[in-house]
C-alpha atoms as a PDB file:
ATOM      1  CA  MET A   1    -157.914  -3.633-143.890  1.00  0.00           C
ATOM      2  CA  ALA A   2    -156.553  -6.338-141.599  1.00  0.00           C
ATOM      3  CA  VAL A   3    -155.993  -9.859-142.850  1.00  0.00           C
ATOM      4  CA  THR A   4    -158.011 -12.387-140.893  1.00  0.00           C
ATOM      5  CA  ARG A   5    -157.460 -16.134-140.845  1.00  0.00           C
ATOM      6  CA  LEU A   6    -160.514 -18.143-141.856  1.00  0.00           C
ATOM      7  CA  ARG A   7    -161.687 -20.267-138.944  1.00  0.00           C
ATOM      8  CA  THR A   8    -163.849 -23.127-140.154  1.00  0.00           C
ATOM      9  CA  ARG A   9    -166.328 -25.089-138.097  1.00  0.00           C
ATOM     10  CA  ARG A  10    -163.748 -27.905-137.949  1.00  0.00           C
ATOM     11  CA  ASP A  11    -161.123 -25.464-136.581  1.00  0.00           C
ATOM     12  CA  ARG A  12    -163.484 -24.271-133.853  1.00  0.00           C
ATOM     13  CA  ALA A  13    -164.431 -27.871-132.968  1.00  0.00           C
ATOM     14  CA  GLY A  14    -160.742 -28.768-132.726  1.00  0.00           C
ATOM     15  CA  GLU A  15    -160.154 -25.844-130.369  1.00  0.00           C
ATOM     16  CA  VAL A  16    -163.013 -27.054-128.164  1.00  0.00           C
ATOM     17  CA  VAL A  17    -161.507 -30.552-128.036  1.00  0.00           C
ATOM     18  CA  ILE A  18    -158.088 -29.159-127.141  1.00  0.00           C
ATOM     19  CA  GLU A  19    -159.569 -27.060-124.338  1.00  0.00           C
ATOM     20  CA  ARG A  20    -161.505 -30.099-123.012  1.00  0.00           C
ATOM     21  CA  LEU A  21    -158.304 -32.171-123.043  1.00  0.00           C
ATOM     22  CA  ARG A  22    -156.459 -29.447-121.151  1.00  0.00           C
ATOM     23  CA  SER A  23    -159.238 -29.204-118.571  1.00  0.00           C
ATOM     24  CA  ALA A  24    -159.333 -32.982-118.154  1.00  0.00           C
ATOM     25  CA  VAL A  25    -155.571 -33.142-117.564  1.00  0.00           C
ATOM     26  CA  VAL A  26    -155.698 -30.313-115.021  1.00  0.00           C
ATOM     27  CA  GLU A  27    -158.719 -31.829-113.226  1.00  0.00           C
ATOM     28  CA  ALA A  28    -157.109 -35.287-113.122  1.00  0.00           C
ATOM     29  CA  ASP A  29    -154.035 -33.889-111.375  1.00  0.00           C
ATOM     30  CA  ASP A  30    -153.888 -35.340-107.864  1.00  0.00           C
ATOM     31  CA  GLY A  31    -150.398 -34.014-107.189  1.00  0.00           C
ATOM     32  CA  SER A  32    -148.671 -37.383-107.607  1.00  0.00           C
ATOM     33  CA  ALA A  33    -147.077 -36.605-110.989  1.00  0.00           C
ATOM     34  CA  PRO A  34    -146.664 -32.829-111.310  1.00  0.00           C
ATOM     35  CA  GLU A  35    -143.945 -33.050-113.976  1.00  0.00           C
ATOM     36  CA  LEU A  36    -146.113 -35.269-116.176  1.00  0.00           C
ATOM     37  CA  VAL A  37    -149.112 -32.965-115.791  1.00  0.00           C
ATOM     38  CA  ALA A  38    -146.979 -29.916-116.570  1.00  0.00           C
ATOM     39  CA  ARG A  39    -145.558 -31.587-119.671  1.00  0.00           C
ATOM     40  CA  LEU A  40    -149.012 -32.612-120.929  1.00  0.00           C
ATOM     41  CA  VAL A  41    -150.442 -29.139-120.322  1.00  0.00           C
ATOM     42  CA  THR A  42    -147.448 -27.589-122.112  1.00  0.00           C
ATOM     43  CA  LEU A  43    -147.904 -29.930-125.066  1.00  0.00           C
ATOM     44  CA  ILE A  44    -151.624 -29.162-125.267  1.00  0.00           C
ATOM     45  CA  ASP A  45    -150.987 -25.402-124.966  1.00  0.00           C
ATOM     46  CA  ARG A  46    -148.409 -25.557-127.734  1.00  0.00           C
ATOM     47  CA  GLU A  47    -150.818 -27.425-129.980  1.00  0.00           C
ATOM     48  CA  ALA A  48    -153.446 -24.764-129.324  1.00  0.00           C
ATOM     49  CA  SER A  49    -151.010 -21.951-130.084  1.00  0.00           C
ATOM     50  CA  SER A  50    -149.740 -23.632-133.245  1.00  0.00           C
ATOM     51  CA  ARG A  51    -153.310 -23.768-134.541  1.00  0.00           C
ATOM     52  CA  ARG A  52    -153.606 -20.030-134.040  1.00  0.00           C
ATOM     53  CA  GLY A  53    -150.711 -19.088-136.263  1.00  0.00           C
ATOM     54  CA  TRP A  54    -147.022 -19.368-136.963  1.00  0.00           C
ATOM     55  CA  ARG A  55    -144.645 -21.713-135.205  1.00  0.00           C
ATOM     56  CA  PHE A  56    -141.764 -19.928-133.580  1.00  0.00           C
ATOM     57  CA  VAL A  57    -138.338 -21.248-132.669  1.00  0.00           C
ATOM     58  CA  MET A  58    -136.090 -19.308-130.342  1.00  0.00           C
ATOM     59  CA  VAL A  59    -132.626 -19.127-131.896  1.00  0.00           C
ATOM     60  CA  GLU A  60    -129.561 -17.771-130.104  1.00  0.00           C
ATOM     61  CA  PRO A  61    -128.252 -15.394-132.799  1.00  0.00           C
ATOM     62  CA  ASP A  62    -124.551 -15.376-131.891  1.00  0.00           C
ATOM     63  CA  LEU A  63    -124.295 -19.150-131.626  1.00  0.00           C
ATOM     64  CA  ASN A  64    -126.312 -19.605-134.814  1.00  0.00           C
ATOM     65  CA  ALA A  65    -123.955 -17.206-136.600  1.00  0.00           C
ATOM     66  CA  GLN A  66    -121.002 -19.265-135.362  1.00  0.00           C
ATOM     67  CA  VAL A  67    -122.549 -22.443-136.789  1.00  0.00           C
ATOM     68  CA  VAL A  68    -123.159 -20.753-140.151  1.00  0.00           C
ATOM     69  CA  GLU A  69    -119.631 -19.315-140.129  1.00  0.00           C
ATOM     70  CA  HIS A  70    -118.178 -22.737-139.396  1.00  0.00           C
ATOM     71  CA  LEU A  71    -120.217 -24.389-142.143  1.00  0.00           C
ATOM     72  CA  THR A  72    -119.286 -21.780-144.745  1.00  0.00           C
ATOM     73  CA  ARG A  73    -115.584 -22.104-143.929  1.00  0.00           C
ATOM     74  CA  GLU A  74    -115.184 -25.796-143.119  1.00  0.00           C
ATOM     75  CA  SER A  75    -117.896 -27.843-144.808  1.00  0.00           C
ATOM     76  CA  GLU A  76    -117.234 -29.814-147.984  1.00  0.00           C
ATOM     77  CA  ARG A  77    -120.640 -28.606-149.261  1.00  0.00           C
ATOM     78  CA  PRO A  78    -121.100 -25.223-147.545  1.00  0.00           C
ATOM     79  CA  LEU A  79    -124.245 -24.095-149.359  1.00  0.00           C
ATOM     80  CA  ILE A  80    -126.053 -27.376-148.795  1.00  0.00           C
ATOM     81  CA  ALA A  81    -124.784 -27.498-145.206  1.00  0.00           C
ATOM     82  CA  CYS A  82    -126.213 -24.052-144.461  1.00  0.00           C
ATOM     83  CA  ARG A  83    -129.506 -24.960-146.114  1.00  0.00           C
ATOM     84  CA  LEU A  84    -129.709 -28.177-144.079  1.00  0.00           C
ATOM     85  CA  TRP A  85    -128.887 -26.326-140.863  1.00  0.00           C
ATOM     86  CA  ALA A  86    -131.657 -23.802-141.560  1.00  0.00           C
ATOM     87  CA  ARG A  87    -134.210 -26.537-142.399  1.00  0.00           C
ATOM     88  CA  LEU A  88    -133.533 -28.615-139.265  1.00  0.00           C
ATOM     89  CA  PHE A  89    -135.565 -26.149-137.188  1.00  0.00           C
ATOM     90  CA  ALA A  90    -138.649 -26.847-139.312  1.00  0.00           C
ATOM     91  CA  PHE A  91    -138.527 -30.498-138.230  1.00  0.00           C
ATOM     92  CA  LEU A  92    -138.556 -29.856-134.469  1.00  0.00           C
ATOM     93  CA  PRO A  93    -141.724 -30.885-132.636  1.00  0.00           C
ATOM     94  CA  PRO A  94    -143.218 -28.484-130.098  1.00  0.00           C
ATOM     95  CA  ASP A  95    -142.101 -30.570-127.099  1.00  0.00           C
ATOM     96  CA  SER A  96    -138.485 -31.550-127.852  1.00  0.00           C
ATOM     97  CA  ASN A  97    -135.439 -30.803-129.962  1.00  0.00           C
ATOM     98  CA  GLU A  98    -135.488 -34.115-131.794  1.00  0.00           C
ATOM     99  CA  VAL A  99    -135.253 -33.765-135.567  1.00  0.00           C
ATOM    100  CA  MET A 100    -138.443 -35.500-136.712  1.00  0.00           C
ATOM    101  CA  ALA A 101    -137.223 -36.410-140.198  1.00  0.00           C
ATOM    102  CA  ASP A 102    -135.032 -39.150-141.583  1.00  0.00           C
ATOM    103  CA  ARG A 103    -132.115 -38.762-143.971  1.00  0.00           C
ATOM    104  CA  GLU A 104    -134.278 -39.112-147.050  1.00  0.00           C
ATOM    105  CA  GLU A 105    -136.781 -36.483-145.904  1.00  0.00           C
ATOM    106  CA  LEU A 106    -133.988 -34.057-145.048  1.00  0.00           C
ATOM    107  CA  ALA A 107    -132.273 -34.710-148.374  1.00  0.00           C
ATOM    108  CA  LYS A 108    -135.519 -34.034-150.227  1.00  0.00           C
ATOM    109  CA  ALA A 109    -136.127 -30.828-148.260  1.00  0.00           C
ATOM    110  CA  VAL A 110    -132.653 -29.519-149.052  1.00  0.00           C
ATOM    111  CA  GLY A 111    -132.244 -30.959-152.543  1.00  0.00           C
ATOM    112  CA  CYS A 112    -129.248 -33.206-152.019  1.00  0.00           C
ATOM    113  CA  ALA A 113    -128.333 -36.871-151.659  1.00  0.00           C
ATOM    114  CA  PRO A 114    -128.947 -38.710-148.374  1.00  0.00           C
ATOM    115  CA  SER A 115    -125.196 -39.341-148.148  1.00  0.00           C
ATOM    116  CA  ASP A 116    -124.674 -35.554-148.115  1.00  0.00           C
ATOM    117  CA  VAL A 117    -127.115 -35.276-145.214  1.00  0.00           C
ATOM    118  CA  SER A 118    -125.141 -37.893-143.271  1.00  0.00           C
ATOM    119  CA  ARG A 119    -121.851 -36.114-143.938  1.00  0.00           C
ATOM    120  CA  ILE A 120    -123.212 -32.707-142.945  1.00  0.00           C
ATOM    121  CA  MET A 121    -124.895 -34.069-139.811  1.00  0.00           C
ATOM    122  CA  ARG A 122    -121.488 -35.482-138.782  1.00  0.00           C
ATOM    123  CA  GLU A 123    -119.962 -32.029-139.354  1.00  0.00           C
ATOM    124  CA  LEU A 124    -122.681 -30.469-137.202  1.00  0.00           C
ATOM    125  CA  GLU A 125    -122.200 -33.164-134.575  1.00  0.00           C
ATOM    126  CA  ASN A 126    -118.451 -32.502-134.461  1.00  0.00           C
ATOM    127  CA  ILE A 127    -119.088 -28.932-133.295  1.00  0.00           C
ATOM    128  CA  GLY A 128    -121.957 -29.914-130.994  1.00  0.00           C
ATOM    129  CA  ALA A 129    -124.681 -28.144-132.971  1.00  0.00           C
ATOM    130  CA  VAL A 130    -126.522 -31.461-133.142  1.00  0.00           C
ATOM    131  CA  TYR A 131    -126.100 -34.637-131.149  1.00  0.00           C
ATOM    132  CA  ARG A 132    -127.323 -38.165-131.593  1.00  0.00           C
ATOM    133  CA  ARG A 133    -128.891 -40.793-129.400  1.00  0.00           C
ATOM    134  CA  ARG A 134    -129.061 -44.431-130.362  1.00  0.00           C
ATOM    135  CA  GLU A 135    -132.267 -46.372-129.793  1.00  0.00           C
ATOM    136  CA  GLY A 136    -131.539 -49.930-130.857  1.00  0.00           C
ATOM    137  CA  ARG A 137    -130.550 -49.722-134.490  1.00  0.00           C
ATOM    138  CA  ALA A 138    -132.149 -46.335-134.946  1.00  0.00           C
ATOM    139  CA  VAL A 139    -130.263 -43.077-134.551  1.00  0.00           C
ATOM    140  CA  ARG A 140    -132.126 -39.958-133.527  1.00  0.00           C
ATOM    141  CA  PHE A 141    -130.657 -36.496-133.996  1.00  0.00           C
ATOM    142  CA  TYR A 142    -131.332 -33.502-131.768  1.00  0.00           C
ATOM    143  CA  VAL A 143    -130.589 -29.819-132.335  1.00  0.00           C
ATOM    144  CA  HIS A 144    -128.649 -28.490-129.355  1.00  0.00           C
ATOM    145  CA  PRO A 145    -131.211 -26.576-127.249  1.00  0.00           C
ATOM    146  CA  SER A 146    -128.753 -23.733-126.620  1.00  0.00           C
ATOM    147  CA  LEU A 147    -128.815 -22.975-130.353  1.00  0.00           C
ATOM    148  CA  GLY A 148    -132.526 -23.085-131.035  1.00  0.00           C
ATOM    149  CA  THR A 149    -135.657 -24.539-129.480  1.00  0.00           C
ATOM    150  CA  HIS A 150    -139.427 -24.344-129.099  1.00  0.00           C
ATOM    151  CA  LEU A 151    -139.011 -25.133-125.406  1.00  0.00           C
ATOM    152  CA  SER A 152    -139.334 -22.440-122.779  1.00  0.00           C
ATOM    153  CA  GLY A 153    -138.746 -21.894-119.097  1.00  0.00           C
ATOM    154  CA  ALA A 154    -137.674 -24.754-116.863  1.00  0.00           C
ATOM    155  CA  VAL A 155    -138.126 -27.328-119.637  1.00  0.00           C
ATOM    156  CA  ARG A 156    -135.627 -25.444-121.819  1.00  0.00           C
ATOM    157  CA  ASP A 157    -133.216 -25.034-118.904  1.00  0.00           C
ATOM    158  CA  ARG A 158    -133.340 -28.767-118.179  1.00  0.00           C
ATOM    159  CA  ALA A 159    -132.846 -29.672-121.865  1.00  0.00           C
ATOM    160  CA  GLN A 160    -129.839 -27.340-122.088  1.00  0.00           C
ATOM    161  CA  ALA A 161    -128.325 -28.828-118.927  1.00  0.00           C
ATOM    162  CA  GLU A 162    -128.775 -32.406-120.191  1.00  0.00           C
ATOM    163  CA  ALA A 163    -127.403 -31.732-123.692  1.00  0.00           C
ATOM    164  CA  PRO A 164    -123.755 -32.464-124.459  1.00  0.00           C
ATOM    165  CA  PRO A 165    -121.450 -29.446-124.368  1.00  0.00           C
ATOM    166  CA  LEU A 166    -121.215 -27.171-127.379  1.00  0.00           C
ATOM    167  CA  ARG A 167    -117.825 -27.258-129.077  1.00  0.00           C
ATOM    168  CA  LEU A 168    -118.241 -24.119-131.148  1.00  0.00           C
ATOM    169  CA  VAL A 169    -115.171 -21.973-131.354  1.00  0.00           C
ATOM    170  CA  GLU A 170    -115.616 -18.543-132.820  1.00  0.00           C
ATOM    171  CA  THR A 171    -113.283 -18.267-135.751  1.00  0.00           C
ATOM    172  CA  ILE A 172    -111.469 -15.053-136.452  1.00  0.00           C
ATOM    173  CA  PRO A 173    -110.857 -14.414-140.165  1.00  0.00           C
ATOM    174  CA  ALA A 174    -107.208 -14.379-141.171  1.00  0.00           C
ATOM    175  CA  GLU A 175    -105.994 -11.012-142.365  1.00  0.00           C
END
């Protein structure tokens, strides 16, 4: 017997609202802002798909393995570093690679001190797995879109082109 997700009246009403929003955005398109319309439609489509089931992140397996290898060999706290790296993907919104959690939230998710999160994020930044952007006093971290992302197509290609270069170097174990 197949497992079926329960769809409540509220779920169905939410789906109707999402479809109306999508239709309104498409109908309002007069051709003057095609990139904005495409981004809004993508965001709405991703919201609709996330309501239907699991959230997926595309991860480049070889690069991800290199990050894990680096963390296990070079990090001061390798187990926590690997756990933090794995959890970062859960904090990515559907329309960007910004980590939508602060130090305290990440520390709680991984079970470590916020100072450990800062140290590990610096380690990840040193190899280009994450990068930061300052906005006033705030610092926002982003997972490099070549390593893992929700983005697809031209949006992903543009994000990868705009991201700083990766500095991963595959390490060969000493014999």
